Amino acid sequence: MEPGLGAVIFLILTIIVVFSVGAFLIYRVMNRPNAHIGSRLPTEDPNAEVGPEDGSDPASNP
């Protein structure tokens, strides 16, 4: 086997292993219960600005 061929095979196997481990970690984390981002968001934002109660916009009605 040529020295260059061994390096190419090693590099390809290393890339396959790295991507496989990364995919496994993502799969493991995302398959937990309530793993999606919406499950961790608050139902109401306490820092949100309060809009007009009657639905009218005072800037558009001078």
N, C-alpha and C. Protein backbone atom coordinates (compact mmCIF):
# COMPACT_ATOMS: atom_id res chain seq x y z
N MET A 1 0.85 -1.18 0.00
CA MET A 1 0.00 0.00 0.00
C MET A 1 0.90 1.24 0.00
N GLU A 2 0.53 2.20 -0.81
CA GLU A 2 1.31 3.44 -0.89
C GLU A 2 1.08 4.29 0.36
N PRO A 3 2.06 5.08 0.79
CA PRO A 3 1.90 5.90 2.00
C PRO A 3 0.77 6.92 1.86
N GLY A 4 0.59 7.48 0.70
CA GLY A 4 -0.48 8.46 0.50
C GLY A 4 -1.86 7.83 0.61
N LEU A 5 -1.99 6.61 0.15
CA LEU A 5 -3.28 5.92 0.20
C LEU A 5 -3.67 5.62 1.65
N GLY A 6 -2.71 5.25 2.47
CA GLY A 6 -3.00 5.01 3.88
C GLY A 6 -3.48 6.26 4.59
N ALA A 7 -2.88 7.40 4.26
CA ALA A 7 -3.30 8.67 4.87
C ALA A 7 -4.71 9.04 4.45
N VAL A 8 -5.04 8.81 3.19
CA VAL A 8 -6.38 9.13 2.69
C VAL A 8 -7.42 8.24 3.36
N ILE A 9 -7.12 6.95 3.49
CA ILE A 9 -8.05 6.03 4.15
C ILE A 9 -8.22 6.42 5.61
N PHE A 10 -7.14 6.76 6.29
CA PHE A 10 -7.23 7.19 7.68
C PHE A 10 -8.07 8.45 7.81
N LEU A 11 -7.88 9.42 6.92
CA LEU A 11 -8.64 10.67 6.97
C LEU A 11 -10.12 10.41 6.73
N ILE A 12 -10.45 9.57 5.78
CA ILE A 12 -11.85 9.25 5.49
C ILE A 12 -12.50 8.56 6.69
N LEU A 13 -11.80 7.60 7.28
CA LEU A 13 -12.36 6.91 8.46
C LEU A 13 -12.53 7.87 9.64
N THR A 14 -11.58 8.79 9.81
CA THR A 14 -11.69 9.76 10.90
C THR A 14 -12.90 10.67 10.70
N ILE A 15 -13.12 11.12 9.47
CA ILE A 15 -14.28 11.98 9.19
C ILE A 15 -15.58 11.21 9.43
N ILE A 16 -15.64 9.96 9.02
CA ILE A 16 -16.85 9.15 9.24
C ILE A 16 -17.12 8.98 10.73
N VAL A 17 -16.08 8.71 11.51
CA VAL A 17 -16.26 8.52 12.95
C VAL A 17 -16.71 9.82 13.61
N VAL A 18 -16.12 10.95 13.25
CA VAL A 18 -16.49 12.24 13.86
C VAL A 18 -17.95 12.57 13.57
N PHE A 19 -18.38 12.43 12.32
CA PHE A 19 -19.77 12.72 11.98
C PHE A 19 -20.73 11.73 12.62
N SER A 20 -20.33 10.48 12.75
CA SER A 20 -21.21 9.49 13.39
C SER A 20 -21.40 9.81 14.87
N VAL A 21 -20.32 10.18 15.56
CA VAL A 21 -20.44 10.53 16.97
C VAL A 21 -21.29 11.79 17.14
N GLY A 22 -21.10 12.77 16.28
CA GLY A 22 -21.93 13.98 16.35
C GLY A 22 -23.40 13.70 16.10
N ALA A 23 -23.69 12.86 15.10
CA ALA A 23 -25.08 12.51 14.82
C ALA A 23 -25.69 11.74 15.98
N PHE A 24 -24.92 10.86 16.60
CA PHE A 24 -25.43 10.12 17.75
C PHE A 24 -25.75 11.06 18.91
N LEU A 25 -24.88 12.03 19.17
CA LEU A 25 -25.12 12.97 20.27
C LEU A 25 -26.35 13.83 20.00
N ILE A 26 -26.51 14.28 18.78
CA ILE A 26 -27.70 15.07 18.44
C ILE A 26 -28.95 14.21 18.55
N TYR A 27 -28.89 12.97 18.09
CA TYR A 27 -30.04 12.06 18.17
C TYR A 27 -30.40 11.80 19.63
N ARG A 28 -29.39 11.61 20.48
CA ARG A 28 -29.63 11.31 21.89
C ARG A 28 -30.28 12.49 22.60
N VAL A 29 -29.82 13.70 22.30
CA VAL A 29 -30.36 14.88 22.96
C VAL A 29 -31.77 15.20 22.46
N MET A 30 -31.99 15.09 21.16
CA MET A 30 -33.27 15.52 20.61
C MET A 30 -34.38 14.51 20.83
N ASN A 31 -34.09 13.31 21.26
CA ASN A 31 -35.14 12.33 21.52
C ASN A 31 -35.53 12.23 22.98
N ARG A 32 -35.08 13.17 23.78
CA ARG A 32 -35.55 13.23 25.16
C ARG A 32 -36.93 13.87 25.19
N PRO A 33 -37.72 13.59 26.21
CA PRO A 33 -39.02 14.25 26.32
C PRO A 33 -38.83 15.75 26.49
N ASN A 34 -39.68 16.53 25.85
CA ASN A 34 -39.65 18.00 25.89
C ASN A 34 -38.31 18.55 25.41
N ALA A 35 -37.73 17.94 24.38
CA ALA A 35 -36.44 18.39 23.87
C ALA A 35 -36.59 19.57 22.91
N HIS A 36 -37.77 19.79 22.35
CA HIS A 36 -37.90 20.87 21.37
C HIS A 36 -37.88 22.22 22.07
N ILE A 37 -37.54 23.25 21.33
CA ILE A 37 -37.31 24.57 21.92
C ILE A 37 -38.60 25.15 22.49
N GLY A 38 -39.74 24.82 21.93
CA GLY A 38 -41.00 25.37 22.42
C GLY A 38 -41.34 24.90 23.82
N SER A 39 -40.83 23.77 24.23
CA SER A 39 -41.15 23.28 25.56
C SER A 39 -40.44 24.06 26.66
N ARG A 40 -39.37 24.79 26.29
CA ARG A 40 -38.63 25.55 27.29
C ARG A 40 -38.96 27.03 27.28
N LEU A 41 -39.79 27.46 26.33
CA LEU A 41 -40.14 28.87 26.26
C LEU A 41 -41.26 29.18 27.24
N PRO A 42 -41.24 30.36 27.85
CA PRO A 42 -42.34 30.71 28.75
C PRO A 42 -43.63 30.91 27.95
N THR A 43 -44.77 30.68 28.59
CA THR A 43 -46.03 30.83 27.89
C THR A 43 -46.32 32.30 27.60
N GLU A 44 -45.96 33.19 28.51
CA GLU A 44 -46.11 34.62 28.29
C GLU A 44 -44.81 35.31 28.63
N ASP A 45 -44.45 36.29 27.83
CA ASP A 45 -43.21 37.02 28.06
C ASP A 45 -43.50 38.17 29.02
N PRO A 46 -42.93 38.16 30.23
CA PRO A 46 -43.21 39.23 31.18
C PRO A 46 -42.60 40.57 30.75
N ASN A 47 -41.65 40.56 29.83
CA ASN A 47 -41.02 41.80 29.38
C ASN A 47 -41.64 42.35 28.10
N ALA A 48 -42.68 41.70 27.60
CA ALA A 48 -43.30 42.15 26.35
C ALA A 48 -44.07 43.44 26.59
N GLU A 49 -44.11 44.27 25.55
CA GLU A 49 -44.87 45.52 25.65
C GLU A 49 -46.36 45.21 25.55
N VAL A 50 -47.14 45.94 26.32
CA VAL A 50 -48.57 45.74 26.32
C VAL A 50 -49.17 46.61 25.21
N GLY A 51 -49.99 45.99 24.37
CA GLY A 51 -50.62 46.71 23.28
C GLY A 51 -51.92 47.35 23.74
N PRO A 52 -52.55 48.12 22.86
CA PRO A 52 -53.83 48.73 23.24
C PRO A 52 -54.91 47.67 23.43
N GLU A 53 -55.74 47.87 24.43
CA GLU A 53 -56.75 46.88 24.77
C GLU A 53 -57.90 46.86 23.78
N ASP A 54 -58.26 48.02 23.20
CA ASP A 54 -59.42 48.06 22.32
C ASP A 54 -59.07 47.77 20.86
N GLY A 55 -57.80 47.58 20.56
CA GLY A 55 -57.40 47.24 19.21
C GLY A 55 -57.13 48.45 18.33
N SER A 56 -57.37 49.65 18.82
CA SER A 56 -57.11 50.84 17.99
C SER A 56 -55.68 51.30 18.18
N ASP A 57 -55.15 51.90 17.14
CA ASP A 57 -53.78 52.40 17.18
C ASP A 57 -53.85 53.91 17.22
N PRO A 58 -53.45 54.58 18.31
CA PRO A 58 -53.57 56.03 18.40
C PRO A 58 -52.71 56.76 17.38
N ALA A 59 -51.62 56.16 16.89
CA ALA A 59 -50.78 56.82 15.91
C ALA A 59 -51.46 56.90 14.55
N SER A 60 -52.31 55.94 14.22
CA SER A 60 -52.98 55.95 12.91
C SER A 60 -54.27 56.76 12.95
N ASN A 61 -54.79 57.12 14.12
CA ASN A 61 -56.02 57.92 14.26
C ASN A 61 -55.69 59.23 14.98
N PRO A 62 -55.23 60.27 14.24
CA PRO A 62 -54.84 61.53 14.93
C PRO A 62 -56.03 62.32 15.41
